[in-house]
Amino acid sequence: MTDGKLFYTIGEVANMFNVNTSLIRFWEKEFDIIKPQKNKKGNRLFTKKDIDNFHIIFHLVKEKGYTLEGAKNKLKSGAQSFQESTKENLEVIKSLESVKVFLLSLKEEL
């Protein structure tokens, strides 16, 4: 997400997480921290903050195995501190993944 865009379509967000657009719409209804704007046609436009929140939800539900109710409770219980620590952890994971990609490409060149 270093392309400098302000808004992302639902299709772009679904591709980022390798999920169907229906899951993005469902999570939008289930989690009140996801608040996309809509254009005149009614298309959803997600901000970087929305995508960061999707990362947190995705991490809890898909990677940690939380139920939707459990994820909602986790987000509400220690909302600010939990979200900040989770964002930091996700940033570390993203950095490590980019290093991995770089090292694998370097290995292929050898």
C-alpha atoms as a PDB file:
ATOM      1  CA  MET A   1       0.000   0.000   0.000  1.00  0.00           C
ATOM      2  CA  THR A   2       2.770   2.396  -0.831  1.00  0.00           C
ATOM      3  CA  ASP A   3       1.045   3.568  -3.989  1.00  0.00           C
ATOM      4  CA  GLY A   4      -0.108   6.836  -2.380  1.00  0.00           C
ATOM      5  CA  LYS A   5      -3.805   6.256  -3.017  1.00  0.00           C
ATOM      6  CA  LEU A   6      -6.298   7.831  -0.657  1.00  0.00           C
ATOM      7  CA  PHE A   7      -9.093   5.360  -1.347  1.00  0.00           C
ATOM      8  CA  TYR A   8      -9.306   1.712  -2.325  1.00  0.00           C
ATOM      9  CA  THR A   9     -12.229  -0.072  -3.946  1.00  0.00           C
ATOM     10  CA  ILE A  10     -13.801  -3.141  -2.395  1.00  0.00           C
ATOM     11  CA  GLY A  11     -12.176  -5.275  -5.092  1.00  0.00           C
ATOM     12  CA  GLU A  12      -8.723  -3.927  -4.253  1.00  0.00           C
ATOM     13  CA  VAL A  13      -9.270  -4.578  -0.555  1.00  0.00           C
ATOM     14  CA  ALA A  14     -10.500  -8.107  -1.255  1.00  0.00           C
ATOM     15  CA  ASN A  15      -7.380  -8.761  -3.355  1.00  0.00           C
ATOM     16  CA  MET A  16      -5.115  -7.486  -0.569  1.00  0.00           C
ATOM     17  CA  PHE A  17      -6.518 -10.113   1.777  1.00  0.00           C
ATOM     18  CA  ASN A  18      -7.172 -12.781  -0.852  1.00  0.00           C
ATOM     19  CA  VAL A  19     -10.857 -13.001   0.120  1.00  0.00           C
ATOM     20  CA  ASN A  20     -14.178 -12.479  -1.647  1.00  0.00           C
ATOM     21  CA  THR A  21     -15.784  -9.044  -1.730  1.00  0.00           C
ATOM     22  CA  SER A  22     -18.781 -10.522   0.103  1.00  0.00           C
ATOM     23  CA  LEU A  23     -16.569 -11.104   3.158  1.00  0.00           C
ATOM     24  CA  ILE A  24     -15.470  -7.459   3.076  1.00  0.00           C
ATOM     25  CA  ARG A  25     -19.110  -6.335   2.978  1.00  0.00           C
ATOM     26  CA  PHE A  26     -20.004  -8.768   5.777  1.00  0.00           C
ATOM     27  CA  TRP A  27     -17.197  -7.579   8.048  1.00  0.00           C
ATOM     28  CA  GLU A  28     -18.189  -3.991   7.325  1.00  0.00           C
ATOM     29  CA  LYS A  29     -21.641  -4.755   8.751  1.00  0.00           C
ATOM     30  CA  GLU A  30     -20.297  -6.760  11.697  1.00  0.00           C
ATOM     31  CA  PHE A  31     -17.508  -4.444  12.873  1.00  0.00           C
ATOM     32  CA  ASP A  32     -18.283  -0.801  13.550  1.00  0.00           C
ATOM     33  CA  ILE A  33     -14.625   0.216  13.152  1.00  0.00           C
ATOM     34  CA  ILE A  34     -14.978  -0.289   9.384  1.00  0.00           C
ATOM     35  CA  LYS A  35     -16.601   2.803   7.916  1.00  0.00           C
ATOM     36  CA  PRO A  36     -16.012   3.150   4.177  1.00  0.00           C
ATOM     37  CA  GLN A  37     -17.158   6.227   2.353  1.00  0.00           C
ATOM     38  CA  LYS A  38     -19.452   5.814  -0.615  1.00  0.00           C
ATOM     39  CA  ASN A  39     -19.348   7.688  -3.883  1.00  0.00           C
ATOM     40  CA  LYS A  40     -22.403   8.922  -5.813  1.00  0.00           C
ATOM     41  CA  LYS A  41     -22.869   5.485  -7.367  1.00  0.00           C
ATOM     42  CA  GLY A  42     -22.838   3.853  -3.934  1.00  0.00           C
ATOM     43  CA  ASN A  43     -19.461   2.167  -4.387  1.00  0.00           C
ATOM     44  CA  ARG A  44     -17.490   1.667  -1.186  1.00  0.00           C
ATOM     45  CA  LEU A  45     -14.227   3.568  -0.864  1.00  0.00           C
ATOM     46  CA  PHE A  46     -11.912   2.359   1.889  1.00  0.00           C
ATOM     47  CA  THR A  47      -9.208   4.479   3.502  1.00  0.00           C
ATOM     48  CA  LYS A  48      -5.847   3.312   4.833  1.00  0.00           C
ATOM     49  CA  LYS A  49      -7.358   3.357   8.335  1.00  0.00           C
ATOM     50  CA  ASP A  50     -10.131   1.004   7.183  1.00  0.00           C
ATOM     51  CA  ILE A  51      -7.523  -1.327   5.695  1.00  0.00           C
ATOM     52  CA  ASP A  52      -5.488  -1.226   8.912  1.00  0.00           C
ATOM     53  CA  ASN A  53      -8.657  -2.206  10.786  1.00  0.00           C
ATOM     54  CA  PHE A  54      -9.240  -5.026   8.293  1.00  0.00           C
ATOM     55  CA  HIS A  55      -5.714  -6.238   9.035  1.00  0.00           C
ATOM     56  CA  ILE A  56      -6.556  -6.414  12.732  1.00  0.00           C
ATOM     57  CA  ILE A  57      -9.840  -8.229  12.110  1.00  0.00           C
ATOM     58  CA  PHE A  58      -8.231 -10.579   9.591  1.00  0.00           C
ATOM     59  CA  HIS A  59      -5.450 -11.358  12.063  1.00  0.00           C
ATOM     60  CA  LEU A  60      -7.902 -12.136  14.854  1.00  0.00           C
ATOM     61  CA  VAL A  61     -10.399 -14.147  12.823  1.00  0.00           C
ATOM     62  CA  LYS A  62      -8.351 -15.887  10.144  1.00  0.00           C
ATOM     63  CA  GLU A  63      -4.931 -16.226  11.777  1.00  0.00           C
ATOM     64  CA  LYS A  64      -5.711 -16.458  15.499  1.00  0.00           C
ATOM     65  CA  GLY A  65      -8.996 -18.356  15.075  1.00  0.00           C
ATOM     66  CA  TYR A  66     -11.274 -15.984  16.992  1.00  0.00           C
ATOM     67  CA  THR A  67     -15.008 -16.149  16.390  1.00  0.00           C
ATOM     68  CA  LEU A  68     -16.604 -12.938  15.156  1.00  0.00           C
ATOM     69  CA  GLU A  69     -18.086 -12.362  18.607  1.00  0.00           C
ATOM     70  CA  GLY A  70     -14.711 -13.055  20.212  1.00  0.00           C
ATOM     71  CA  ALA A  71     -12.987 -10.631  17.866  1.00  0.00           C
ATOM     72  CA  LYS A  72     -15.581  -7.947  18.617  1.00  0.00           C
ATOM     73  CA  ASN A  73     -15.085  -8.452  22.359  1.00  0.00           C
ATOM     74  CA  LYS A  74     -11.301  -8.340  21.991  1.00  0.00           C
ATOM     75  CA  LEU A  75     -11.525  -5.093  20.040  1.00  0.00           C
ATOM     76  CA  LYS A  76     -13.855  -3.540  22.638  1.00  0.00           C
ATOM     77  CA  SER A  77     -12.114  -4.779  25.791  1.00  0.00           C
ATOM     78  CA  GLY A  78      -8.725  -3.178  25.394  1.00  0.00           C
ATOM     79  CA  ALA A  79      -9.637  -1.240  22.325  1.00  0.00           C
ATOM     80  CA  GLN A  80      -6.968   1.433  22.052  1.00  0.00           C
ATOM     81  CA  SER A  81      -3.962  -0.352  23.529  1.00  0.00           C
ATOM     82  CA  PHE A  82      -4.830  -3.652  21.836  1.00  0.00           C
ATOM     83  CA  GLN A  83      -5.292  -2.031  18.434  1.00  0.00           C
ATOM     84  CA  GLU A  84      -2.016  -0.150  18.749  1.00  0.00           C
ATOM     85  CA  SER A  85      -0.036  -3.234  19.763  1.00  0.00           C
ATOM     86  CA  THR A  86      -1.685  -5.303  17.035  1.00  0.00           C
ATOM     87  CA  LYS A  87      -0.893  -2.639  14.437  1.00  0.00           C
ATOM     88  CA  GLU A  88       2.724  -2.620  15.574  1.00  0.00           C
ATOM     89  CA  ASN A  89       2.884  -6.414  15.333  1.00  0.00           C
ATOM     90  CA  LEU A  90       1.344  -6.342  11.870  1.00  0.00           C
ATOM     91  CA  GLU A  91       3.880  -3.731  10.750  1.00  0.00           C
ATOM     92  CA  VAL A  92       6.709  -5.987  11.937  1.00  0.00           C
ATOM     93  CA  ILE A  93       5.160  -8.909  10.061  1.00  0.00           C
ATOM     94  CA  LYS A  94       4.849  -6.810   6.883  1.00  0.00           C
ATOM     95  CA  SER A  95       8.478  -5.746   7.193  1.00  0.00           C
ATOM     96  CA  LEU A  96       9.622  -9.321   7.677  1.00  0.00           C
ATOM     97  CA  GLU A  97       7.587 -10.453   4.676  1.00  0.00           C
ATOM     98  CA  SER A  98       9.172  -7.792   2.481  1.00  0.00           C
ATOM     99  CA  VAL A  99      12.633  -8.856   3.692  1.00  0.00           C
ATOM    100  CA  LYS A 100      11.722 -12.461   2.884  1.00  0.00           C
ATOM    101  CA  VAL A 101      10.644 -11.511  -0.640  1.00  0.00           C
ATOM    102  CA  PHE A 102      13.879  -9.570  -1.128  1.00  0.00           C
ATOM    103  CA  LEU A 103      16.028 -12.440   0.142  1.00  0.00           C
ATOM    104  CA  LEU A 104      14.212 -14.985  -2.037  1.00  0.00           C
ATOM    105  CA  SER A 105      14.697 -12.816  -5.113  1.00  0.00           C
ATOM    106  CA  LEU A 106      18.354 -12.380  -4.205  1.00  0.00           C
ATOM    107  CA  LYS A 107      18.698 -16.162  -3.823  1.00  0.00           C
ATOM    108  CA  GLU A 108      17.221 -16.708  -7.295  1.00  0.00           C
ATOM    109  CA  GLU A 109      19.763 -14.328  -8.796  1.00  0.00           C
ATOM    110  CA  LEU A 110      22.687 -16.317  -7.381  1.00  0.00           C
END
